[in-house]
């Protein structure tokens, strides 16, 4: 049984994501929405600058069911600015919490790992 588990572990591909971000610099990685009335929608955005010397492509932005986000679908040139706007629908949450917005770049780090950037926002009822 132990040999089977070792063999299984060695055959399962391990995917690691780089959390070091040398591509996009955000004005803030955490946004505090403040007091929100339950049932309302709140709009906000994460502003960023491409601080790398290469084009950056945001491949995917993942959110929870209470949040809708958009992102640039084009190459972000070095030095260029952009935004990731989002809408929080408070009717889909019962209590205060911190929400994660995960940004996956098409770019890879120096080790060839995909780059993930974790952004957060919170609110109060």
Protein backbone atom coordinates (compact mmCIF):
# COMPACT_ATOMS: atom_id res chain seq x y z
CA UNK A 1 0.00 0.00 0.00
CA UNK A 2 2.80 2.44 0.89
CA UNK A 3 4.51 1.79 -2.46
CA UNK A 4 1.23 2.48 -4.21
CA UNK A 5 0.82 5.83 -2.44
CA UNK A 6 4.39 6.84 -3.23
CA UNK A 7 3.92 5.89 -6.89
CA UNK A 8 0.63 7.79 -7.01
CA UNK A 9 2.20 10.87 -5.45
CA UNK A 10 5.06 10.81 -7.95
CA UNK A 11 2.73 10.53 -10.94
CA UNK A 12 0.37 13.34 -9.97
CA UNK A 13 1.57 16.56 -11.56
CA UNK A 14 2.21 19.26 -9.03
CA UNK A 15 1.23 22.74 -10.12
CA UNK A 16 2.67 25.61 -8.22
CA UNK A 17 1.76 29.23 -8.61
CA UNK A 18 4.10 32.10 -8.04
CA UNK A 19 2.79 34.68 -5.61
CA UNK A 20 5.70 37.01 -6.22
CA UNK A 21 4.42 39.70 -8.49
CA UNK A 22 7.03 41.57 -10.51
CA UNK A 23 4.52 42.44 -13.20
CA UNK A 24 1.65 44.56 -11.91
CA UNK A 25 1.85 47.10 -9.11
CA UNK A 26 -1.56 47.86 -7.58
CA UNK A 27 -2.39 51.15 -5.90
CA UNK A 28 -3.93 48.96 -3.21
CA UNK A 29 -4.29 45.19 -2.96
CA UNK A 30 -7.00 45.56 -0.29
CA UNK A 31 -10.05 47.78 -0.62
CA UNK A 32 -12.29 48.66 2.32
CA UNK A 33 -15.81 49.30 1.03
CA UNK A 34 -16.97 50.53 4.44
CA UNK A 35 -20.60 50.27 5.54
CA UNK A 36 -22.81 48.55 2.98
CA UNK A 37 -26.59 48.27 3.21
CA UNK A 38 -27.66 44.65 2.68
CA UNK A 39 -29.27 44.20 -0.74
CA UNK A 40 -27.27 46.93 -2.48
CA UNK A 41 -24.54 46.68 -5.11
CA UNK A 42 -21.23 48.46 -4.64
CA UNK A 43 -18.86 49.32 -7.51
CA UNK A 44 -15.12 49.69 -7.04
CA UNK A 45 -11.88 48.96 -8.88
CA UNK A 46 -8.25 47.99 -8.48
CA UNK A 47 -5.92 50.33 -10.37
CA UNK A 48 -2.54 49.02 -11.48
CA UNK A 49 0.60 49.78 -13.47
CA UNK A 50 2.66 47.30 -15.48
CA UNK A 51 6.07 47.60 -13.78
CA UNK A 52 7.73 44.88 -15.85
CA UNK A 53 9.69 45.22 -19.07
CA UNK A 54 7.31 42.94 -20.99
CA UNK A 55 3.68 42.90 -22.03
CA UNK A 56 1.39 41.48 -19.33
CA UNK A 57 -1.74 39.49 -20.13
CA UNK A 58 -4.40 38.84 -17.52
CA UNK A 59 -5.69 35.40 -18.39
CA UNK A 60 -8.42 35.05 -15.77
CA UNK A 61 -9.96 36.85 -12.81
CA UNK A 62 -11.77 34.56 -10.39
CA UNK A 63 -14.30 35.78 -7.82
CA UNK A 64 -17.01 34.40 -5.57
CA UNK A 65 -20.70 34.32 -6.52
CA UNK A 66 -21.26 37.73 -4.88
CA UNK A 67 -18.77 39.54 -7.12
CA UNK A 68 -18.54 40.25 -10.84
CA UNK A 69 -15.22 41.51 -12.20
CA UNK A 70 -13.95 42.64 -15.58
CA UNK A 71 -10.34 42.86 -16.71
CA UNK A 72 -8.39 44.07 -19.72
CA UNK A 73 -8.48 41.46 -22.49
CA UNK A 74 -5.47 42.92 -24.30
CA UNK A 75 -1.72 43.08 -23.76
CA UNK A 76 -0.81 45.60 -21.08
CA UNK A 77 2.35 47.34 -22.27
CA UNK A 78 5.26 48.14 -19.92
CA UNK A 79 4.48 51.33 -17.99
CA UNK A 80 0.80 51.23 -18.96
CA UNK A 81 -1.98 51.66 -16.42
CA UNK A 82 -5.21 49.70 -16.15
CA UNK A 83 -8.07 48.79 -13.86
CA UNK A 84 -9.96 45.72 -12.72
CA UNK A 85 -13.47 47.01 -11.97
CA UNK A 86 -15.77 44.90 -9.83
CA UNK A 87 -19.33 44.91 -8.48
CA UNK A 88 -20.14 43.47 -5.06
CA UNK A 89 -23.75 42.29 -4.67
CA UNK A 90 -24.42 42.38 -0.93
CA UNK A 91 -27.71 40.50 -1.30
CA UNK A 92 -25.65 37.32 -1.75
CA UNK A 93 -23.86 37.57 1.62
CA UNK A 94 -25.28 37.05 5.10
CA UNK A 95 -22.39 38.39 7.16
CA UNK A 96 -19.31 40.58 6.92
CA UNK A 97 -16.21 38.96 5.49
CA UNK A 98 -13.09 39.53 3.43
CA UNK A 99 -13.53 38.56 -0.23
CA UNK A 100 -10.68 37.43 -2.49
CA UNK A 101 -10.33 38.33 -6.14
CA UNK A 102 -7.72 36.10 -7.76
CA UNK A 103 -5.88 37.35 -10.82
CA UNK A 104 -4.03 34.81 -12.99
CA UNK A 105 -1.53 36.13 -15.49
CA UNK A 106 -0.57 34.43 -18.72
CA UNK A 107 2.99 35.52 -17.87
CA UNK A 108 5.21 33.17 -15.88
CA UNK A 109 7.83 33.84 -13.23
CA UNK A 110 11.57 33.15 -13.62
CA UNK A 111 10.94 29.47 -12.73
CA UNK A 112 8.21 29.06 -15.34
CA UNK A 113 5.33 29.06 -12.83
CA UNK A 114 2.06 30.85 -13.57
CA UNK A 115 1.70 34.11 -11.64
CA UNK A 116 -1.30 34.55 -9.32
CA UNK A 117 -2.11 37.85 -7.65
CA UNK A 118 -4.51 37.87 -4.71
CA UNK A 119 -6.57 41.01 -4.19
CA UNK A 120 -9.02 41.52 -1.35
CA UNK A 121 -11.92 43.68 -0.32
CA UNK A 122 -14.05 43.82 2.78
CA UNK A 123 -17.22 45.51 3.94
CA UNK A 124 -19.36 46.07 7.01
CA UNK A 125 -23.10 45.67 7.58
